Amino acid sequence: MSIRQREVAKRVFAKELHNSDLPYKEHEDPYAPQYIITPTGAKCNRVFVVGTLTEKENIGAESEYWRGRVSDPTGVFTIYAGQYQPQAATKLSGIEPPVFVAVVGKLNIYYPPEGDPKVSIRPEAVNVVDSKIRDRWVLETAQKTLDRIEKLTLDSDDLEVKEALDHYNTVKSEYVEMVTQALQSLVTGT
């Protein structure tokens, strides 16, 4: 009997996730985990994000299906919770924005008939947190992002780095600027 281990939830800023559209599977097994490789080379199946829940709405027709917007210093994450995420949906339904929340969830890419792909989060957990936790998340996510940026070199042996550079042609300075913006928000309180 094999035990499936959960994927580690990666920390990424909203801007980087918004710019992500590279799906990746390690093998063709229909049950193999699906990943999204981000422009800085993070291979994400699950993410851990913290920000301000700015709005929520029940968009379900026949049953509750919640959409929420969670803002970090670089942009906005969209989360969707319904019958397949019952605990997260129940929690989200009881939270009144604006409030800081921590979200752990799986990523989903939607390819609309026209326009760019849209990445959203299907939350497994949503919790109200305080500003100290949000600030710590910004600091730790900034460090992890800078670590990934440092590894973005053409001679890297890292598959995710090669995939990111080939697909996105990542401009490091754009993501260093994103990290700077996030860190400045801690100083200015925005």
N, C-alpha and C. Protein backbone atom coordinates (compact mmCIF):
# COMPACT_ATOMS: atom_id res chain seq x y z
N MET A 1 0.84 -1.17 0.00
CA MET A 1 0.00 0.00 0.00
C MET A 1 0.88 1.24 0.00
N SER A 2 0.62 2.15 -0.92
CA SER A 2 1.42 3.38 -0.96
C SER A 2 0.63 4.52 -0.34
N ILE A 3 1.33 5.37 0.31
CA ILE A 3 0.72 6.54 0.94
C ILE A 3 1.11 7.75 0.13
N ARG A 4 0.09 8.50 -0.32
CA ARG A 4 0.38 9.72 -1.08
C ARG A 4 0.69 10.85 -0.12
N GLN A 5 1.82 11.44 -0.32
CA GLN A 5 2.21 12.56 0.51
C GLN A 5 1.74 13.85 -0.14
N ARG A 6 1.25 14.77 0.67
CA ARG A 6 0.80 16.05 0.14
C ARG A 6 1.98 16.86 -0.37
N GLU A 7 1.70 17.59 -1.43
CA GLU A 7 2.71 18.49 -1.98
C GLU A 7 2.92 19.65 -1.03
N VAL A 8 4.15 20.12 -0.94
CA VAL A 8 4.47 21.29 -0.13
C VAL A 8 3.80 22.51 -0.74
N ALA A 9 3.17 23.32 0.08
CA ALA A 9 2.53 24.55 -0.40
C ALA A 9 3.62 25.61 -0.58
N LYS A 10 3.75 26.11 -1.81
CA LYS A 10 4.77 27.10 -2.14
C LYS A 10 4.26 28.51 -1.85
N ARG A 11 5.19 29.40 -1.59
CA ARG A 11 4.87 30.81 -1.35
C ARG A 11 5.20 31.61 -2.62
N VAL A 12 4.20 32.24 -3.17
CA VAL A 12 4.40 33.11 -4.33
C VAL A 12 3.53 34.34 -4.17
N PHE A 13 4.02 35.44 -4.71
CA PHE A 13 3.24 36.67 -4.70
C PHE A 13 2.18 36.62 -5.79
N ALA A 14 1.13 37.42 -5.63
CA ALA A 14 0.01 37.44 -6.57
C ALA A 14 0.45 37.80 -7.98
N LYS A 15 1.34 38.77 -8.11
CA LYS A 15 1.77 39.18 -9.45
C LYS A 15 2.42 38.02 -10.19
N GLU A 16 3.28 37.28 -9.51
CA GLU A 16 3.95 36.16 -10.16
C GLU A 16 2.94 35.07 -10.53
N LEU A 17 2.01 34.78 -9.62
CA LEU A 17 1.01 33.76 -9.93
C LEU A 17 0.13 34.21 -11.09
N HIS A 18 -0.22 35.49 -11.11
CA HIS A 18 -1.03 36.04 -12.21
C HIS A 18 -0.31 35.89 -13.56
N ASN A 19 1.01 35.98 -13.55
CA ASN A 19 1.79 35.86 -14.79
C ASN A 19 2.08 34.41 -15.17
N SER A 20 1.63 33.46 -14.37
CA SER A 20 1.94 32.05 -14.58
C SER A 20 0.90 31.37 -15.46
N ASP A 21 1.38 30.62 -16.45
CA ASP A 21 0.47 29.88 -17.33
C ASP A 21 1.11 28.62 -17.91
N LEU A 22 2.14 28.11 -17.22
CA LEU A 22 2.85 26.93 -17.72
C LEU A 22 2.48 25.70 -16.90
N PRO A 23 1.56 24.86 -17.41
CA PRO A 23 1.22 23.63 -16.69
C PRO A 23 2.34 22.61 -16.85
N TYR A 24 2.47 21.72 -15.88
CA TYR A 24 3.53 20.72 -15.92
C TYR A 24 3.04 19.46 -15.20
N LYS A 25 3.28 18.30 -15.82
CA LYS A 25 3.02 16.99 -15.20
C LYS A 25 4.28 16.17 -15.32
N GLU A 26 4.63 15.47 -14.26
CA GLU A 26 5.85 14.66 -14.28
C GLU A 26 5.69 13.40 -15.11
N HIS A 27 4.45 12.89 -15.22
CA HIS A 27 4.18 11.73 -16.07
C HIS A 27 2.71 11.74 -16.48
N GLU A 28 2.35 10.89 -17.42
CA GLU A 28 1.03 10.94 -18.04
C GLU A 28 -0.07 10.24 -17.25
N ASP A 29 0.24 9.67 -16.10
CA ASP A 29 -0.78 9.05 -15.26
C ASP A 29 -1.88 10.07 -14.98
N PRO A 30 -3.16 9.72 -15.23
CA PRO A 30 -4.23 10.70 -15.02
C PRO A 30 -4.33 11.19 -13.57
N TYR A 31 -3.76 10.44 -12.64
CA TYR A 31 -3.81 10.84 -11.23
C TYR A 31 -2.52 11.54 -10.79
N ALA A 32 -1.59 11.72 -11.71
CA ALA A 32 -0.34 12.41 -11.38
C ALA A 32 -0.65 13.85 -11.02
N PRO A 33 0.06 14.40 -10.05
CA PRO A 33 -0.18 15.80 -9.67
C PRO A 33 0.10 16.75 -10.83
N GLN A 34 -0.73 17.77 -10.93
CA GLN A 34 -0.51 18.82 -11.92
C GLN A 34 0.15 19.99 -11.22
N TYR A 35 1.10 20.58 -11.90
CA TYR A 35 1.83 21.71 -11.37
C TYR A 35 1.68 22.90 -12.30
N ILE A 36 2.03 24.05 -11.76
CA ILE A 36 2.20 25.24 -12.57
C ILE A 36 3.61 25.73 -12.28
N ILE A 37 4.38 25.94 -13.32
CA ILE A 37 5.72 26.50 -13.14
C ILE A 37 5.59 28.00 -13.34
N THR A 38 6.09 28.76 -12.37
CA THR A 38 5.99 30.21 -12.38
C THR A 38 7.19 30.83 -13.10
N PRO A 39 7.13 32.12 -13.40
CA PRO A 39 8.25 32.78 -14.09
C PRO A 39 9.58 32.74 -13.35
N THR A 40 9.57 32.57 -12.01
CA THR A 40 10.84 32.47 -11.29
C THR A 40 11.23 31.02 -11.02
N GLY A 41 10.47 30.07 -11.60
CA GLY A 41 10.85 28.67 -11.51
C GLY A 41 10.25 27.90 -10.35
N ALA A 42 9.25 28.44 -9.66
CA ALA A 42 8.58 27.67 -8.61
C ALA A 42 7.66 26.65 -9.27
N LYS A 43 7.77 25.39 -8.85
CA LYS A 43 6.89 24.33 -9.35
C LYS A 43 5.81 24.12 -8.29
N CYS A 44 4.61 24.65 -8.58
CA CYS A 44 3.54 24.71 -7.57
C CYS A 44 2.39 23.79 -7.91
N ASN A 45 2.03 22.97 -6.95
CA ASN A 45 0.78 22.22 -7.00
C ASN A 45 -0.17 22.86 -5.99
N ARG A 46 0.38 23.23 -4.86
CA ARG A 46 -0.35 23.91 -3.80
C ARG A 46 0.40 25.18 -3.44
N VAL A 47 -0.34 26.17 -2.94
CA VAL A 47 0.28 27.42 -2.51
C VAL A 47 -0.21 27.80 -1.12
N PHE A 48 0.60 28.61 -0.46
CA PHE A 48 0.25 29.23 0.81
C PHE A 48 0.36 30.72 0.59
N VAL A 49 -0.77 31.42 0.70
CA VAL A 49 -0.80 32.86 0.48
C VAL A 49 -1.47 33.54 1.67
N VAL A 50 -1.07 34.78 1.91
CA VAL A 50 -1.66 35.58 2.97
C VAL A 50 -1.89 36.98 2.41
N GLY A 51 -3.04 37.52 2.70
CA GLY A 51 -3.36 38.87 2.24
C GLY A 51 -4.69 39.32 2.82
N THR A 52 -5.20 40.40 2.27
CA THR A 52 -6.47 40.94 2.73
C THR A 52 -7.60 40.38 1.88
N LEU A 53 -8.56 39.74 2.54
CA LEU A 53 -9.77 39.33 1.83
C LEU A 53 -10.55 40.61 1.61
N THR A 54 -10.59 41.05 0.36
CA THR A 54 -11.22 42.34 0.05
C THR A 54 -12.68 42.19 -0.32
N GLU A 55 -13.04 41.02 -0.83
CA GLU A 55 -14.45 40.78 -1.17
C GLU A 55 -14.69 39.29 -1.28
N LYS A 56 -15.95 38.93 -1.10
CA LYS A 56 -16.38 37.54 -1.30
C LYS A 56 -17.80 37.59 -1.86
N GLU A 57 -18.15 36.55 -2.61
CA GLU A 57 -19.48 36.52 -3.21
C GLU A 57 -19.89 35.08 -3.44
N ASN A 58 -21.13 34.76 -3.12
CA ASN A 58 -21.67 33.45 -3.42
C ASN A 58 -22.15 33.49 -4.87
N ILE A 59 -21.43 32.82 -5.76
CA ILE A 59 -21.78 32.85 -7.19
C ILE A 59 -22.45 31.55 -7.63
N GLY A 60 -22.80 30.68 -6.66
CA GLY A 60 -23.44 29.41 -6.98
C GLY A 60 -24.89 29.58 -7.38
N ALA A 61 -25.33 28.79 -8.33
CA ALA A 61 -26.72 28.85 -8.78
C ALA A 61 -27.61 27.93 -7.91
N GLU A 62 -27.20 26.67 -7.77
CA GLU A 62 -28.01 25.71 -7.03
C GLU A 62 -27.43 25.35 -5.67
N SER A 63 -26.16 25.59 -5.49
CA SER A 63 -25.53 25.36 -4.19
C SER A 63 -24.50 26.47 -3.97
N GLU A 64 -24.04 26.57 -2.73
CA GLU A 64 -23.07 27.62 -2.43
C GLU A 64 -21.76 27.37 -3.17
N TYR A 65 -21.29 28.41 -3.82
CA TYR A 65 -20.00 28.38 -4.51
C TYR A 65 -19.42 29.78 -4.34
N TRP A 66 -18.39 29.87 -3.50
CA TRP A 66 -17.86 31.17 -3.09
C TRP A 66 -16.65 31.57 -3.91
N ARG A 67 -16.63 32.84 -4.31
CA ARG A 67 -15.46 33.44 -4.95
C ARG A 67 -14.97 34.53 -4.00
N GLY A 68 -13.67 34.54 -3.78
CA GLY A 68 -13.08 35.57 -2.94
C GLY A 68 -11.87 36.18 -3.63
N ARG A 69 -11.59 37.41 -3.24
CA ARG A 69 -10.40 38.10 -3.75
C ARG A 69 -9.51 38.41 -2.55
N VAL A 70 -8.26 37.95 -2.64
CA VAL A 70 -7.28 38.14 -1.57
C VAL A 70 -6.13 38.97 -2.14
N SER A 71 -5.90 40.12 -1.53
CA SER A 71 -4.91 41.07 -2.04
C SER A 71 -3.62 41.01 -1.23
N ASP A 72 -2.49 40.89 -1.93
CA ASP A 72 -1.19 41.04 -1.28
C ASP A 72 -0.56 42.32 -1.83
N PRO A 73 0.65 42.69 -1.41
CA PRO A 73 1.23 43.95 -1.88
C PRO A 73 1.51 44.03 -3.38
N THR A 74 1.38 42.91 -4.12
CA THR A 74 1.73 42.91 -5.55
C THR A 74 0.53 42.70 -6.46
N GLY A 75 -0.61 42.34 -5.91
CA GLY A 75 -1.77 42.06 -6.75
C GLY A 75 -2.85 41.29 -6.00
N VAL A 76 -3.65 40.55 -6.76
CA VAL A 76 -4.81 39.87 -6.19
C VAL A 76 -4.84 38.40 -6.58
N PHE A 77 -5.13 37.55 -5.61
CA PHE A 77 -5.40 36.13 -5.83
C PHE A 77 -6.90 35.95 -5.89
N THR A 78 -7.37 35.08 -6.77
CA THR A 78 -8.79 34.72 -6.79
C THR A 78 -8.92 33.31 -6.24
N ILE A 79 -9.86 33.14 -5.29
CA ILE A 79 -10.09 31.83 -4.71
C ILE A 79 -11.54 31.42 -4.97
N TYR A 80 -11.75 30.12 -5.17
CA TYR A 80 -13.08 29.56 -5.38
C TYR A 80 -13.25 28.36 -4.46
N ALA A 81 -14.34 28.33 -3.69
CA ALA A 81 -14.62 27.22 -2.78
C ALA A 81 -16.09 26.83 -2.88
N GLY A 82 -16.32 25.54 -3.06
CA GLY A 82 -17.69 25.04 -3.18
C GLY A 82 -17.81 23.68 -2.54
N GLN A 83 -18.61 22.82 -3.15
CA GLN A 83 -18.92 21.52 -2.57
C GLN A 83 -17.70 20.62 -2.42
N TYR A 84 -16.67 20.82 -3.23
CA TYR A 84 -15.48 19.99 -3.14
C TYR A 84 -14.45 20.54 -2.15
N GLN A 85 -14.72 21.71 -1.63
CA GLN A 85 -13.90 22.33 -0.58
C GLN A 85 -14.83 22.78 0.55
N PRO A 86 -15.58 21.84 1.15
CA PRO A 86 -16.65 22.22 2.08
C PRO A 86 -16.16 23.02 3.29
N GLN A 87 -15.02 22.64 3.87
CA GLN A 87 -14.54 23.36 5.05
C GLN A 87 -14.14 24.78 4.68
N ALA A 88 -13.44 24.93 3.57
CA ALA A 88 -13.02 26.27 3.14
C ALA A 88 -14.23 27.11 2.76
N ALA A 89 -15.22 26.51 2.10
CA ALA A 89 -16.43 27.25 1.71
C ALA A 89 -17.19 27.73 2.93
N THR A 90 -17.33 26.86 3.92
CA THR A 90 -18.02 27.24 5.15
C THR A 90 -17.28 28.37 5.85
N LYS A 91 -15.98 28.24 5.94
CA LYS A 91 -15.17 29.27 6.60
C LYS A 91 -15.28 30.59 5.85
N LEU A 92 -15.12 30.54 4.52
CA LEU A 92 -15.18 31.75 3.71
C LEU A 92 -16.54 32.43 3.82
N SER A 93 -17.60 31.65 3.88
CA SER A 93 -18.94 32.23 3.97
C SER A 93 -19.15 33.03 5.25
N GLY A 94 -18.41 32.67 6.31
CA GLY A 94 -18.58 33.33 7.60
C GLY A 94 -17.63 34.49 7.86
N ILE A 95 -16.75 34.78 6.93
CA ILE A 95 -15.77 35.86 7.11
C ILE A 95 -16.29 37.14 6.47
N GLU A 96 -16.19 38.24 7.18
CA GLU A 96 -16.61 39.53 6.64
C GLU A 96 -15.38 40.36 6.26
N PRO A 97 -15.22 40.67 4.99
CA PRO A 97 -14.09 41.50 4.55
C PRO A 97 -14.27 42.95 5.00
N PRO A 98 -13.24 43.72 5.06
CA PRO A 98 -11.84 43.36 4.82
C PRO A 98 -11.20 42.78 6.09
N VAL A 99 -10.41 41.74 5.90
CA VAL A 99 -9.70 41.09 6.99
C VAL A 99 -8.53 40.31 6.39
N PHE A 100 -7.44 40.19 7.16
CA PHE A 100 -6.31 39.38 6.71
C PHE A 100 -6.69 37.90 6.81
N VAL A 101 -6.34 37.15 5.76
CA VAL A 101 -6.57 35.70 5.76
C VAL A 101 -5.33 34.98 5.26
N ALA A 102 -5.18 33.75 5.74
CA ALA A 102 -4.16 32.83 5.24
C ALA A 102 -4.90 31.73 4.48
N VAL A 103 -4.42 31.41 3.29
CA VAL A 103 -5.08 30.42 2.43
C VAL A 103 -4.05 29.39 1.98
N VAL A 104 -4.41 28.13 2.14
CA VAL A 104 -3.64 27.03 1.56
C VAL A 104 -4.56 26.36 0.57
N GLY A 105 -4.07 26.17 -0.66
CA GLY A 105 -4.94 25.54 -1.64
C GLY A 105 -4.21 25.09 -2.88
N LYS A 106 -4.95 24.37 -3.70
CA LYS A 106 -4.43 23.86 -4.97
C LYS A 106 -4.67 24.88 -6.07
N LEU A 107 -3.79 24.88 -7.04
CA LEU A 107 -3.91 25.80 -8.16
C LEU A 107 -4.76 25.19 -9.28
N ASN A 108 -5.42 26.07 -10.00
CA ASN A 108 -6.22 25.69 -11.15
C ASN A 108 -5.97 26.71 -12.26
N ILE A 109 -5.77 26.22 -13.49
CA ILE A 109 -5.65 27.13 -14.64
C ILE A 109 -6.91 26.97 -15.48
N TYR A 110 -7.53 28.09 -15.80
CA TYR A 110 -8.70 28.11 -16.67
C TYR A 110 -8.29 28.79 -17.97
N TYR A 111 -8.59 28.14 -19.08
CA TYR A 111 -8.26 28.69 -20.39
C TYR A 111 -9.55 29.18 -21.04
N PRO A 112 -9.83 30.49 -20.93
CA PRO A 112 -11.06 31.00 -21.56
C PRO A 112 -10.94 30.93 -23.09
N PRO A 113 -12.09 30.91 -23.79
CA PRO A 113 -12.05 30.86 -25.25
C PRO A 113 -11.24 32.02 -25.85
N GLU A 114 -11.32 33.16 -25.23
CA GLU A 114 -10.53 34.31 -25.67
C GLU A 114 -9.83 34.90 -24.46
N GLY A 115 -8.64 35.38 -24.68
CA GLY A 115 -7.89 36.02 -23.60
C GLY A 115 -6.87 35.09 -22.98
N ASP A 116 -6.20 35.62 -21.98
CA ASP A 116 -5.12 34.90 -21.32
C ASP A 116 -5.66 33.88 -20.32
N PRO A 117 -4.86 32.83 -20.04
CA PRO A 117 -5.27 31.87 -19.01
C PRO A 117 -5.40 32.56 -17.65
N LYS A 118 -6.28 32.02 -16.82
CA LYS A 118 -6.52 32.58 -15.49
C LYS A 118 -6.17 31.52 -14.45
N VAL A 119 -5.31 31.90 -13.50
CA VAL A 119 -4.93 30.99 -12.43
C VAL A 119 -5.73 31.37 -11.18
N SER A 120 -6.32 30.36 -10.56
CA SER A 120 -7.04 30.59 -9.31
C SER A 120 -6.63 29.54 -8.29
N ILE A 121 -7.08 29.75 -7.07
CA ILE A 121 -6.76 28.84 -5.96
C ILE A 121 -8.05 28.19 -5.48
N ARG A 122 -8.02 26.87 -5.35
CA ARG A 122 -9.12 26.14 -4.70
C ARG A 122 -8.68 25.87 -3.27
N PRO A 123 -9.16 26.67 -2.32
CA PRO A 123 -8.63 26.59 -0.96
C PRO A 123 -8.98 25.28 -0.25
N GLU A 124 -8.00 24.76 0.46
CA GLU A 124 -8.22 23.64 1.37
C GLU A 124 -8.49 24.19 2.76
N ALA A 125 -7.89 25.34 3.05
CA ALA A 125 -8.07 25.99 4.35
C ALA A 125 -8.03 27.50 4.18
N VAL A 126 -8.90 28.18 4.89
CA VAL A 126 -8.93 29.64 4.94
C VAL A 126 -9.03 30.02 6.41
N ASN A 127 -8.11 30.84 6.89
CA ASN A 127 -8.13 31.26 8.28
C ASN A 127 -7.88 32.75 8.41
N VAL A 128 -8.60 33.38 9.32
CA VAL A 128 -8.36 34.79 9.63
C VAL A 128 -7.06 34.87 10.42
N VAL A 129 -6.20 35.83 10.06
CA VAL A 129 -4.91 36.02 10.72
C VAL A 129 -4.73 37.49 11.05
N ASP A 130 -3.66 37.81 11.76
CA ASP A 130 -3.40 39.21 12.10
C ASP A 130 -2.30 39.78 11.20
N SER A 131 -2.03 41.06 11.39
CA SER A 131 -1.05 41.74 10.54
C SER A 131 0.37 41.19 10.73
N LYS A 132 0.69 40.68 11.91
CA LYS A 132 2.02 40.12 12.14
C LYS A 132 2.25 38.89 11.26
N ILE A 133 1.24 38.06 11.13
CA ILE A 133 1.36 36.88 10.28
C ILE A 133 1.47 37.30 8.82
N ARG A 134 0.66 38.28 8.42
CA ARG A 134 0.74 38.77 7.04
C ARG A 134 2.13 39.34 6.76
N ASP A 135 2.67 40.14 7.67
CA ASP A 135 3.99 40.73 7.47
C ASP A 135 5.07 39.65 7.39
N ARG A 136 4.96 38.64 8.23
CA ARG A 136 5.94 37.55 8.21
C ARG A 136 5.86 36.80 6.88
N TRP A 137 4.62 36.59 6.38
CA TRP A 137 4.45 35.92 5.09
C TRP A 137 5.12 36.73 3.98
N VAL A 138 4.94 38.04 3.99
CA VAL A 138 5.56 38.90 2.97
C VAL A 138 7.08 38.75 3.03
N LEU A 139 7.66 38.79 4.23
CA LEU A 139 9.11 38.66 4.37
C LEU A 139 9.60 37.30 3.87
N GLU A 140 8.93 36.23 4.28
CA GLU A 140 9.38 34.89 3.89
C GLU A 140 9.16 34.65 2.40
N THR A 141 8.06 35.16 1.85
CA THR A 141 7.81 34.99 0.42
C THR A 141 8.81 35.80 -0.39
N ALA A 142 9.17 36.98 0.09
CA ALA A 142 10.19 37.79 -0.57
C ALA A 142 11.51 37.03 -0.62
N GLN A 143 11.91 36.42 0.50
CA GLN A 143 13.17 35.68 0.54
C GLN A 143 13.15 34.48 -0.40
N LYS A 144 12.06 33.72 -0.38
CA LYS A 144 11.96 32.55 -1.26
C LYS A 144 11.98 32.96 -2.74
N THR A 145 11.33 34.09 -3.04
CA THR A 145 11.31 34.57 -4.43
C THR A 145 12.71 35.01 -4.85
N LEU A 146 13.40 35.73 -3.98
CA LEU A 146 14.78 36.15 -4.30
C LEU A 146 15.69 34.94 -4.49
N ASP A 147 15.49 33.90 -3.67
CA ASP A 147 16.28 32.67 -3.83
C ASP A 147 16.04 32.05 -5.20
N ARG A 148 14.79 32.04 -5.64
CA ARG A 148 14.48 31.48 -6.97
C ARG A 148 15.08 32.35 -8.07
N ILE A 149 14.98 33.66 -7.92
CA ILE A 149 15.54 34.58 -8.93
C ILE A 149 17.04 34.36 -9.08
N GLU A 150 17.72 34.14 -7.97
CA GLU A 150 19.16 33.92 -7.99
C GLU A 150 19.52 32.67 -8.80
N LYS A 151 18.64 31.66 -8.79
CA LYS A 151 18.90 30.41 -9.52
C LYS A 151 18.55 30.50 -11.00
N LEU A 152 17.94 31.61 -11.43
CA LEU A 152 17.53 31.75 -12.84
C LEU A 152 18.73 32.05 -13.73
N THR A 153 19.42 30.99 -14.13
CA THR A 153 20.56 31.14 -15.04
C THR A 153 20.43 30.11 -16.14
N LEU A 154 20.91 30.45 -17.31
CA LEU A 154 20.81 29.55 -18.47
C LEU A 154 21.56 28.25 -18.29
N ASP A 155 22.59 28.25 -17.44
CA ASP A 155 23.37 27.02 -17.25
C ASP A 155 22.87 26.19 -16.07
N SER A 156 21.71 26.49 -15.56
CA SER A 156 21.14 25.75 -14.43
C SER A 156 20.81 24.32 -14.83
N ASP A 157 20.99 23.39 -13.90
CA ASP A 157 20.60 22.00 -14.10
C ASP A 157 19.16 21.75 -13.63
N ASP A 158 18.55 22.76 -13.03
CA ASP A 158 17.21 22.65 -12.47
C ASP A 158 16.16 22.68 -13.58
N LEU A 159 15.37 21.62 -13.68
CA LEU A 159 14.36 21.51 -14.73
C LEU A 159 13.37 22.66 -14.68
N GLU A 160 12.91 23.04 -13.49
CA GLU A 160 11.92 24.12 -13.37
C GLU A 160 12.50 25.44 -13.86
N VAL A 161 13.76 25.68 -13.57
CA VAL A 161 14.42 26.91 -14.03
C VAL A 161 14.50 26.92 -15.55
N LYS A 162 14.90 25.79 -16.15
CA LYS A 162 14.99 25.71 -17.61
C LYS A 162 13.62 25.93 -18.25
N GLU A 163 12.60 25.27 -17.69
CA GLU A 163 11.24 25.42 -18.22
C GLU A 163 10.78 26.88 -18.12
N ALA A 164 11.04 27.51 -16.96
CA ALA A 164 10.61 28.89 -16.76
C ALA A 164 11.31 29.83 -17.75
N LEU A 165 12.63 29.67 -17.90
CA LEU A 165 13.36 30.54 -18.81
C LEU A 165 12.93 30.33 -20.26
N ASP A 166 12.70 29.08 -20.64
CA ASP A 166 12.27 28.79 -22.01
C ASP A 166 10.88 29.35 -22.29
N HIS A 167 9.97 29.17 -21.36
CA HIS A 167 8.57 29.56 -21.58
C HIS A 167 8.34 31.06 -21.40
N TYR A 168 8.88 31.62 -20.33
CA TYR A 168 8.56 33.01 -19.99
C TYR A 168 9.61 34.01 -20.46
N ASN A 169 10.84 33.54 -20.69
CA ASN A 169 11.93 34.47 -20.97
C ASN A 169 11.99 35.51 -19.84
N THR A 170 11.99 35.01 -18.62
CA THR A 170 11.86 35.82 -17.41
C THR A 170 12.91 36.93 -17.34
N VAL A 171 12.43 38.12 -17.06
CA VAL A 171 13.31 39.27 -16.82
C VAL A 171 13.46 39.39 -15.31
N LYS A 172 14.66 39.06 -14.81
CA LYS A 172 14.87 39.04 -13.37
C LYS A 172 14.52 40.36 -12.69
N SER A 173 14.88 41.48 -13.33
CA SER A 173 14.66 42.79 -12.70
C SER A 173 13.19 43.05 -12.43
N GLU A 174 12.30 42.52 -13.27
CA GLU A 174 10.85 42.70 -13.05
C GLU A 174 10.42 42.06 -11.73
N TYR A 175 10.98 40.90 -11.42
CA TYR A 175 10.59 40.20 -10.21
C TYR A 175 11.33 40.71 -8.97
N VAL A 176 12.55 41.23 -9.17
CA VAL A 176 13.24 41.91 -8.06
C VAL A 176 12.44 43.16 -7.69
N GLU A 177 11.94 43.87 -8.69
CA GLU A 177 11.11 45.06 -8.44
C GLU A 177 9.82 44.67 -7.70
N MET A 178 9.23 43.55 -8.06
CA MET A 178 8.02 43.06 -7.38
C MET A 178 8.31 42.80 -5.90
N VAL A 179 9.43 42.14 -5.63
CA VAL A 179 9.82 41.86 -4.24
C VAL A 179 10.06 43.17 -3.49
N THR A 180 10.74 44.12 -4.13
CA THR A 180 10.99 45.42 -3.51
C THR A 180 9.68 46.11 -3.16
N GLN A 181 8.73 46.08 -4.08
CA GLN A 181 7.41 46.67 -3.85
C GLN A 181 6.74 46.02 -2.63
N ALA A 182 6.81 44.70 -2.55
CA ALA A 182 6.21 43.99 -1.42
C ALA A 182 6.85 44.38 -0.10
N LEU A 183 8.18 44.46 -0.10
CA LEU A 183 8.89 44.82 1.14
C LEU A 183 8.63 46.27 1.51
N GLN A 184 8.53 47.17 0.54
CA GLN A 184 8.24 48.57 0.83
C GLN A 184 6.87 48.72 1.48
N SER A 185 5.94 47.84 1.13
CA SER A 185 4.60 47.92 1.72
C SER A 185 4.64 47.69 3.23
N LEU A 186 5.63 46.94 3.70
CA LEU A 186 5.76 46.71 5.14
C LEU A 186 6.20 47.99 5.85
N VAL A 187 7.01 48.77 5.17
CA VAL A 187 7.52 50.03 5.74
C VAL A 187 6.44 51.11 5.71
N THR A 188 5.72 51.18 4.58
CA THR A 188 4.72 52.23 4.42
C THR A 188 3.36 51.86 5.00
N GLY A 189 3.19 50.55 5.31
CA GLY A 189 1.91 50.11 5.88
C GLY A 189 0.78 50.03 4.89
N THR A 190 1.10 49.85 3.58
CA THR A 190 0.04 49.73 2.58
C THR A 190 -0.12 48.31 2.11
